Amino acid sequence: MSSLALLLPGKSAWVTEVGGSGSFRRRLLEIGLVPGTEVTRVGVVAQGDPLNFKVRGATVCLRRADADRVLTQGSVAAAAK
């Protein structure tokens, strides 16, 4: 498993776990980041933050720190940040 923040542009992975607590975790679940959902990293921004993802047909932007709390499986991830 790896973090959603390590997903390379153009690659897809499946959400396995959503970390965090309280309203933060609930918000991630509400935007569709639930276990079993396929997520695709979209494009690259110049500053590297926020990260853009395609989730259930919608584009979602997450700060790198927030994307680190979502664990994924099934795709190639960057070896280091």
PDB file of N, CA and C in Angstrom:
ATOM      1  N   MET A   1       0.844  -1.183   0.000  1.00  0.00           N
ATOM      2  CA  MET A   1       0.000   0.000   0.000  1.00  0.00           C
ATOM      3  C   MET A   1       0.888   1.244   0.000  1.00  0.00           C
ATOM      4  N   SER A   2       0.361   2.289  -0.591  1.00  0.00           N
ATOM      5  CA  SER A   2       1.071   3.563  -0.591  1.00  0.00           C
ATOM      6  C   SER A   2       0.062   4.696  -0.455  1.00  0.00           C
ATOM      7  N   SER A   3       0.579   5.869  -0.272  1.00  0.00           N
ATOM      8  CA  SER A   3      -0.243   7.063  -0.100  1.00  0.00           C
ATOM      9  C   SER A   3      -0.755   7.573  -1.448  1.00  0.00           C
ATOM     10  N   LEU A   4      -1.929   8.164  -1.440  1.00  0.00           N
ATOM     11  CA  LEU A   4      -2.488   8.774  -2.642  1.00  0.00           C
ATOM     12  C   LEU A   4      -1.583   9.893  -3.162  1.00  0.00           C
ATOM     13  N   ALA A   5      -0.857  10.542  -2.266  1.00  0.00           N
ATOM     14  CA  ALA A   5       0.044  11.629  -2.658  1.00  0.00           C
ATOM     15  C   ALA A   5       1.202  11.128  -3.526  1.00  0.00           C
ATOM     16  N   LEU A   6       1.516   9.834  -3.483  1.00  0.00           N
ATOM     17  CA  LEU A   6       2.617   9.272  -4.257  1.00  0.00           C
ATOM     18  C   LEU A   6       2.184   8.760  -5.626  1.00  0.00           C
ATOM     19  N   LEU A   7       0.896   8.818  -5.918  1.00  0.00           N
ATOM     20  CA  LEU A   7       0.397   8.337  -7.205  1.00  0.00           C
ATOM     21  C   LEU A   7       0.934   9.223  -8.332  1.00  0.00           C
ATOM     22  N   LEU A   8       1.480   8.586  -9.349  1.00  0.00           N
ATOM     23  CA  LEU A   8       2.060   9.325 -10.468  1.00  0.00           C
ATOM     24  C   LEU A   8       0.972   9.837 -11.415  1.00  0.00           C
ATOM     25  N   PRO A   9       1.201  10.981 -12.087  1.00  0.00           N
ATOM     26  CA  PRO A   9       0.225  11.516 -13.036  1.00  0.00           C
ATOM     27  C   PRO A   9      -0.127  10.488 -14.114  1.00  0.00           C
ATOM     28  N   GLY A  10      -1.408  10.349 -14.383  1.00  0.00           N
ATOM     29  CA  GLY A  10      -1.889   9.415 -15.391  1.00  0.00           C
ATOM     30  C   GLY A  10      -2.115   8.004 -14.885  1.00  0.00           C
ATOM     31  N   LYS A  11      -1.701   7.708 -13.663  1.00  0.00           N
ATOM     32  CA  LYS A  11      -1.860   6.373 -13.084  1.00  0.00           C
ATOM     33  C   LYS A  11      -3.107   6.310 -12.221  1.00  0.00           C
ATOM     34  N   SER A  12      -3.631   5.105 -12.070  1.00  0.00           N
ATOM     35  CA  SER A  12      -4.820   4.881 -11.247  1.00  0.00           C
ATOM     36  C   SER A  12      -4.500   3.907 -10.124  1.00  0.00           C
ATOM     37  N   ALA A  13      -5.254   3.990  -9.053  1.00  0.00           N
ATOM     38  CA  ALA A  13      -5.118   3.082  -7.916  1.00  0.00           C
ATOM     39  C   ALA A  13      -6.476   2.982  -7.239  1.00  0.00           C
ATOM     40  N   TRP A  14      -6.597   2.055  -6.313  1.00  0.00           N
ATOM     41  CA  TRP A  14      -7.836   1.869  -5.580  1.00  0.00           C
ATOM     42  C   TRP A  14      -7.625   2.262  -4.137  1.00  0.00           C
ATOM     43  N   VAL A  15      -8.576   2.987  -3.584  1.00  0.00           N
ATOM     44  CA  VAL A  15      -8.518   3.411  -2.193  1.00  0.00           C
ATOM     45  C   VAL A  15      -8.690   2.178  -1.312  1.00  0.00           C
ATOM     46  N   THR A  16      -7.792   2.023  -0.334  1.00  0.00           N
ATOM     47  CA  THR A  16      -7.900   0.903   0.604  1.00  0.00           C
ATOM     48  C   THR A  16      -8.259   1.369   2.007  1.00  0.00           C
ATOM     49  N   GLU A  17      -7.857   2.601   2.343  1.00  0.00           N
ATOM     50  CA  GLU A  17      -8.117   3.101   3.694  1.00  0.00           C
ATOM     51  C   GLU A  17      -8.084   4.623   3.696  1.00  0.00           C
ATOM     52  N   VAL A  18      -8.962   5.223   4.479  1.00  0.00           N
ATOM     53  CA  VAL A  18      -8.998   6.679   4.618  1.00  0.00           C
ATOM     54  C   VAL A  18      -8.679   7.008   6.068  1.00  0.00           C
ATOM     55  N   GLY A  19      -7.573   7.720   6.268  1.00  0.00           N
ATOM     56  CA  GLY A  19      -7.143   8.083   7.612  1.00  0.00           C
ATOM     57  C   GLY A  19      -7.780   9.374   8.075  1.00  0.00           C
ATOM     58  N   GLY A  20      -7.278   9.872   9.175  1.00  0.00           N
ATOM     59  CA  GLY A  20      -7.831  11.099   9.740  1.00  0.00           C
ATOM     60  C   GLY A  20      -8.950  10.776  10.702  1.00  0.00           C
ATOM     61  N   SER A  21      -9.569  11.826  11.200  1.00  0.00           N
ATOM     62  CA  SER A  21     -10.669  11.616  12.143  1.00  0.00           C
ATOM     63  C   SER A  21     -11.681  12.750  12.033  1.00  0.00           C
ATOM     64  N   GLY A  22     -12.830  12.504  12.616  1.00  0.00           N
ATOM     65  CA  GLY A  22     -13.872  13.516  12.698  1.00  0.00           C
ATOM     66  C   GLY A  22     -14.344  14.041  11.361  1.00  0.00           C
ATOM     67  N   SER A  23     -14.542  15.363  11.302  1.00  0.00           N
ATOM     68  CA  SER A  23     -15.116  15.988  10.111  1.00  0.00           C
ATOM     69  C   SER A  23     -14.181  15.906   8.908  1.00  0.00           C
ATOM     70  N   PHE A  24     -12.863  15.876   9.147  1.00  0.00           N
ATOM     71  CA  PHE A  24     -11.918  15.755   8.037  1.00  0.00           C
ATOM     72  C   PHE A  24     -12.112  14.426   7.315  1.00  0.00           C
ATOM     73  N   ARG A  25     -12.142  13.326   8.051  1.00  0.00           N
ATOM     74  CA  ARG A  25     -12.332  12.003   7.453  1.00  0.00           C
ATOM     75  C   ARG A  25     -13.704  11.904   6.787  1.00  0.00           C
ATOM     76  N   ARG A  26     -14.711  12.421   7.437  1.00  0.00           N
ATOM     77  CA  ARG A  26     -16.065  12.383   6.892  1.00  0.00           C
ATOM     78  C   ARG A  26     -16.134  13.126   5.552  1.00  0.00           C
ATOM     79  N   ARG A  27     -15.446  14.248   5.448  1.00  0.00           N
ATOM     80  CA  ARG A  27     -15.448  15.019   4.200  1.00  0.00           C
ATOM     81  C   ARG A  27     -14.784  14.242   3.066  1.00  0.00           C
ATOM     82  N   LEU A  28     -13.670  13.572   3.358  1.00  0.00           N
ATOM     83  CA  LEU A  28     -13.021  12.747   2.338  1.00  0.00           C
ATOM     84  C   LEU A  28     -13.956  11.639   1.854  1.00  0.00           C
ATOM     85  N   LEU A  29     -14.667  11.022   2.773  1.00  0.00           N
ATOM     86  CA  LEU A  29     -15.622   9.967   2.406  1.00  0.00           C
ATOM     87  C   LEU A  29     -16.770  10.544   1.584  1.00  0.00           C
ATOM     88  N   GLU A  30     -17.235  11.738   1.931  1.00  0.00           N
ATOM     89  CA  GLU A  30     -18.344  12.366   1.213  1.00  0.00           C
ATOM     90  C   GLU A  30     -17.991  12.722  -0.230  1.00  0.00           C
ATOM     91  N   ILE A  31     -16.730  13.046  -0.498  1.00  0.00           N
ATOM     92  CA  ILE A  31     -16.356  13.377  -1.873  1.00  0.00           C
ATOM     93  C   ILE A  31     -16.047  12.129  -2.696  1.00  0.00           C
ATOM     94  N   GLY A  32     -16.218  10.960  -2.094  1.00  0.00           N
ATOM     95  CA  GLY A  32     -16.096   9.712  -2.843  1.00  0.00           C
ATOM     96  C   GLY A  32     -14.861   8.891  -2.572  1.00  0.00           C
ATOM     97  N   LEU A  33     -14.010   9.320  -1.684  1.00  0.00           N
ATOM     98  CA  LEU A  33     -12.802   8.565  -1.373  1.00  0.00           C
ATOM     99  C   LEU A  33     -13.112   7.483  -0.344  1.00  0.00           C
ATOM    100  N   VAL A  34     -13.813   6.465  -0.782  1.00  0.00           N
ATOM    101  CA  VAL A  34     -14.172   5.336   0.071  1.00  0.00           C
ATOM    102  C   VAL A  34     -13.396   4.105  -0.400  1.00  0.00           C
ATOM    103  N   PRO A  35     -13.114   3.169   0.504  1.00  0.00           N
ATOM    104  CA  PRO A  35     -12.393   1.962   0.102  1.00  0.00           C
ATOM    105  C   PRO A  35     -13.061   1.270  -1.090  1.00  0.00           C
ATOM    106  N   GLY A  36     -12.219   0.883  -2.059  1.00  0.00           N
ATOM    107  CA  GLY A  36     -12.704   0.224  -3.261  1.00  0.00           C
ATOM    108  C   GLY A  36     -12.906   1.148  -4.440  1.00  0.00           C
ATOM    109  N   THR A  37     -12.818   2.448  -4.235  1.00  0.00           N
ATOM    110  CA  THR A  37     -13.019   3.421  -5.307  1.00  0.00           C
ATOM    111  C   THR A  37     -11.731   3.607  -6.101  1.00  0.00           C
ATOM    112  N   GLU A  38     -11.854   3.632  -7.427  1.00  0.00           N
ATOM    113  CA  GLU A  38     -10.703   3.887  -8.282  1.00  0.00           C
ATOM    114  C   GLU A  38     -10.460   5.388  -8.359  1.00  0.00           C
ATOM    115  N   VAL A  39      -9.185   5.775  -8.235  1.00  0.00           N
ATOM    116  CA  VAL A  39      -8.781   7.177  -8.280  1.00  0.00           C
ATOM    117  C   VAL A  39      -7.660   7.306  -9.307  1.00  0.00           C
ATOM    118  N   THR A  40      -7.726   8.344 -10.153  1.00  0.00           N
ATOM    119  CA  THR A  40      -6.699   8.594 -11.162  1.00  0.00           C
ATOM    120  C   THR A  40      -6.081   9.960 -10.918  1.00  0.00           C
ATOM    121  N   ARG A  41      -4.766  10.021 -10.915  1.00  0.00           N
ATOM    122  CA  ARG A  41      -4.065  11.306 -10.765  1.00  0.00           C
ATOM    123  C   ARG A  41      -4.141  12.029 -12.099  1.00  0.00           C
ATOM    124  N   VAL A  42      -4.530  13.290 -12.062  1.00  0.00           N
ATOM    125  CA  VAL A  42      -4.714  14.091 -13.269  1.00  0.00           C
ATOM    126  C   VAL A  42      -3.691  15.212 -13.287  1.00  0.00           C
ATOM    127  N   GLY A  43      -2.887  15.272 -14.344  1.00  0.00           N
ATOM    128  CA  GLY A  43      -1.987  16.394 -14.562  1.00  0.00           C
ATOM    129  C   GLY A  43      -0.997  16.685 -13.455  1.00  0.00           C
ATOM    130  N   VAL A  44      -0.252  17.756 -13.690  1.00  0.00           N
ATOM    131  CA  VAL A  44       0.760  18.215 -12.741  1.00  0.00           C
ATOM    132  C   VAL A  44       0.655  19.731 -12.646  1.00  0.00           C
ATOM    133  N   VAL A  45       0.670  20.261 -11.446  1.00  0.00           N
ATOM    134  CA  VAL A  45       0.669  21.712 -11.271  1.00  0.00           C
ATOM    135  C   VAL A  45       2.098  22.167 -11.006  1.00  0.00           C
ATOM    136  N   ALA A  46       2.410  23.382 -11.376  1.00  0.00           N
ATOM    137  CA  ALA A  46       3.779  23.892 -11.299  1.00  0.00           C
ATOM    138  C   ALA A  46       4.366  23.825  -9.882  1.00  0.00           C
ATOM    139  N   GLN A  47       3.597  24.188  -8.889  1.00  0.00           N
ATOM    140  CA  GLN A  47       4.102  24.211  -7.523  1.00  0.00           C
ATOM    141  C   GLN A  47       4.029  22.844  -6.843  1.00  0.00           C
ATOM    142  N   GLY A  48       3.301  21.886  -7.422  1.00  0.00           N
ATOM    143  CA  GLY A  48       3.201  20.550  -6.844  1.00  0.00           C
ATOM    144  C   GLY A  48       2.137  20.406  -5.776  1.00  0.00           C
ATOM    145  N   ASP A  49       1.382  21.451  -5.515  1.00  0.00           N
ATOM    146  CA  ASP A  49       0.338  21.390  -4.502  1.00  0.00           C
ATOM    147  C   ASP A  49      -0.729  22.410  -4.864  1.00  0.00           C
ATOM    148  N   PRO A  50      -1.989  22.127  -4.930  1.00  0.00           N
ATOM    149  CA  PRO A  50      -2.641  20.871  -4.597  1.00  0.00           C
ATOM    150  C   PRO A  50      -2.511  19.837  -5.717  1.00  0.00           C
ATOM    151  N   LEU A  51      -2.874  18.609  -5.389  1.00  0.00           N
ATOM    152  CA  LEU A  51      -2.857  17.508  -6.341  1.00  0.00           C
ATOM    153  C   LEU A  51      -4.270  17.318  -6.882  1.00  0.00           C
ATOM    154  N   ASN A  52      -4.374  17.010  -8.170  1.00  0.00           N
ATOM    155  CA  ASN A  52      -5.687  16.822  -8.806  1.00  0.00           C
ATOM    156  C   ASN A  52      -5.921  15.346  -9.088  1.00  0.00           C
ATOM    157  N   PHE A  53      -7.137  14.886  -8.764  1.00  0.00           N
ATOM    158  CA  PHE A  53      -7.508  13.489  -8.954  1.00  0.00           C
ATOM    159  C   PHE A  53      -8.876  13.403  -9.605  1.00  0.00           C
ATOM    160  N   LYS A  54      -9.095  12.346 -10.353  1.00  0.00           N
ATOM    161  CA  LYS A  54     -10.413  12.049 -10.920  1.00  0.00           C
ATOM    162  C   LYS A  54     -11.012  10.957 -10.039  1.00  0.00           C
ATOM    163  N   VAL A  55     -12.157  11.270  -9.411  1.00  0.00           N
ATOM    164  CA  VAL A  55     -12.840  10.342  -8.512  1.00  0.00           C
ATOM    165  C   VAL A  55     -14.296  10.255  -8.936  1.00  0.00           C
ATOM    166  N   ARG A  56     -14.726   9.091  -9.374  1.00  0.00           N
ATOM    167  CA  ARG A  56     -16.117   8.869  -9.775  1.00  0.00           C
ATOM    168  C   ARG A  56     -16.616   9.920 -10.771  1.00  0.00           C
ATOM    169  N   GLY A  57     -15.765  10.296 -11.724  1.00  0.00           N
ATOM    170  CA  GLY A  57     -16.153  11.236 -12.764  1.00  0.00           C
ATOM    171  C   GLY A  57     -15.980  12.702 -12.424  1.00  0.00           C
ATOM    172  N   ALA A  58     -15.587  13.008 -11.210  1.00  0.00           N
ATOM    173  CA  ALA A  58     -15.388  14.394 -10.796  1.00  0.00           C
ATOM    174  C   ALA A  58     -13.907  14.650 -10.540  1.00  0.00           C
ATOM    175  N   THR A  59     -13.460  15.880 -10.760  1.00  0.00           N
ATOM    176  CA  THR A  59     -12.087  16.246 -10.442  1.00  0.00           C
ATOM    177  C   THR A  59     -12.053  16.785  -9.019  1.00  0.00           C
ATOM    178  N   VAL A  60     -11.160  16.224  -8.219  1.00  0.00           N
ATOM    179  CA  VAL A  60     -11.028  16.593  -6.818  1.00  0.00           C
ATOM    180  C   VAL A  60      -9.599  17.080  -6.587  1.00  0.00           C
ATOM    181  N   CYS A  61      -9.460  18.211  -5.909  1.00  0.00           N
ATOM    182  CA  CYS A  61      -8.143  18.751  -5.573  1.00  0.00           C
ATOM    183  C   CYS A  61      -7.907  18.573  -4.078  1.00  0.00           C
ATOM    184  N   LEU A  62      -6.756  17.988  -3.745  1.00  0.00           N
ATOM    185  CA  LEU A  62      -6.393  17.773  -2.343  1.00  0.00           C
ATOM    186  C   LEU A  62      -4.997  18.306  -2.089  1.00  0.00           C
ATOM    187  N   ARG A  63      -4.794  18.880  -0.920  1.00  0.00           N
ATOM    188  CA  ARG A  63      -3.444  19.250  -0.523  1.00  0.00           C
ATOM    189  C   ARG A  63      -2.644  17.965  -0.355  1.00  0.00           C
ATOM    190  N   ARG A  64      -1.358  18.041  -0.597  1.00  0.00           N
ATOM    191  CA  ARG A  64      -0.488  16.864  -0.486  1.00  0.00           C
ATOM    192  C   ARG A  64      -0.597  16.233   0.909  1.00  0.00           C
ATOM    193  N   ALA A  65      -0.640  17.049   1.949  1.00  0.00           N
ATOM    194  CA  ALA A  65      -0.738  16.533   3.316  1.00  0.00           C
ATOM    195  C   ALA A  65      -2.028  15.737   3.521  1.00  0.00           C
ATOM    196  N   ASP A  66      -3.121  16.179   2.898  1.00  0.00           N
ATOM    197  CA  ASP A  66      -4.393  15.456   3.017  1.00  0.00           C
ATOM    198  C   ASP A  66      -4.377  14.172   2.192  1.00  0.00           C
ATOM    199  N   ALA A  67      -3.763  14.229   1.010  1.00  0.00           N
ATOM    200  CA  ALA A  67      -3.669  13.041   0.159  1.00  0.00           C
ATOM    201  C   ALA A  67      -2.801  11.968   0.812  1.00  0.00           C
ATOM    202  N   ASP A  68      -1.882  12.369   1.674  1.00  0.00           N
ATOM    203  CA  ASP A  68      -1.041  11.405   2.394  1.00  0.00           C
ATOM    204  C   ASP A  68      -1.854  10.518   3.335  1.00  0.00           C
ATOM    205  N   ARG A  69      -3.016  10.977   3.735  1.00  0.00           N
ATOM    206  CA  ARG A  69      -3.850  10.216   4.675  1.00  0.00           C
ATOM    207  C   ARG A  69      -4.727   9.167   4.002  1.00  0.00           C
ATOM    208  N   VAL A  70      -4.730   9.159   2.672  1.00  0.00           N
ATOM    209  CA  VAL A  70      -5.514   8.184   1.921  1.00  0.00           C
ATOM    210  C   VAL A  70      -4.568   7.124   1.382  1.00  0.00           C
ATOM    211  N   LEU A  71      -4.765   5.876   1.797  1.00  0.00           N
ATOM    212  CA  LEU A  71      -3.917   4.781   1.353  1.00  0.00           C
ATOM    213  C   LEU A  71      -4.514   4.110   0.135  1.00  0.00           C
ATOM    214  N   THR A  72      -3.639   3.720  -0.797  1.00  0.00           N
ATOM    215  CA  THR A  72      -4.090   3.118  -2.060  1.00  0.00           C
ATOM    216  C   THR A  72      -3.309   1.832  -2.327  1.00  0.00           C
ATOM    217  N   GLN A  73      -3.810   1.109  -3.325  1.00  0.00           N
ATOM    218  CA  GLN A  73      -3.171  -0.130  -3.746  1.00  0.00           C
ATOM    219  C   GLN A  73      -3.411  -0.314  -5.243  1.00  0.00           C
ATOM    220  N   GLY A  74      -2.441  -0.907  -5.937  1.00  0.00           N
ATOM    221  CA  GLY A  74      -2.684  -1.312  -7.299  1.00  0.00           C
ATOM    222  C   GLY A  74      -2.080  -0.467  -8.389  1.00  0.00           C
ATOM    223  N   SER A  75      -1.151   0.428  -8.069  1.00  0.00           N
ATOM    224  CA  SER A  75      -0.536   1.224  -9.129  1.00  0.00           C
ATOM    225  C   SER A  75       0.903   1.529  -8.762  1.00  0.00           C
ATOM    226  N   VAL A  76       1.638   2.036  -9.723  1.00  0.00           N
ATOM    227  CA  VAL A  76       3.024   2.420  -9.497  1.00  0.00           C
ATOM    228  C   VAL A  76       3.033   3.752  -8.774  1.00  0.00           C
ATOM    229  N   ALA A  77       3.794   3.836  -7.706  1.00  0.00           N
ATOM    230  CA  ALA A  77       3.917   5.082  -6.948  1.00  0.00           C
ATOM    231  C   ALA A  77       5.362   5.554  -7.029  1.00  0.00           C
ATOM    232  N   ALA A  78       5.559   6.820  -6.782  1.00  0.00           N
ATOM    233  CA  ALA A  78       6.911   7.378  -6.796  1.00  0.00           C
ATOM    234  C   ALA A  78       7.725   6.747  -5.668  1.00  0.00           C
ATOM    235  N   ALA A  79       9.002   6.547  -5.909  1.00  0.00           N
ATOM    236  CA  ALA A  79       9.868   5.921  -4.907  1.00  0.00           C
ATOM    237  C   ALA A  79      10.121   6.848  -3.725  1.00  0.00           C
ATOM    238  N   ALA A  80      10.166   8.128  -3.980  1.00  0.00           N
ATOM    239  CA  ALA A  80      10.402   9.093  -2.900  1.00  0.00           C
ATOM    240  C   ALA A  80       9.728  10.399  -3.249  1.00  0.00           C
ATOM    241  N   LYS A  81       9.457  11.181  -2.225  1.00  0.00           N
ATOM    242  CA  LYS A  81       8.828  12.488  -2.441  1.00  0.00           C
ATOM    243  C   LYS A  81       9.837  13.487  -2.910  1.00  0.00           C
TER     244      LYS A  81
END
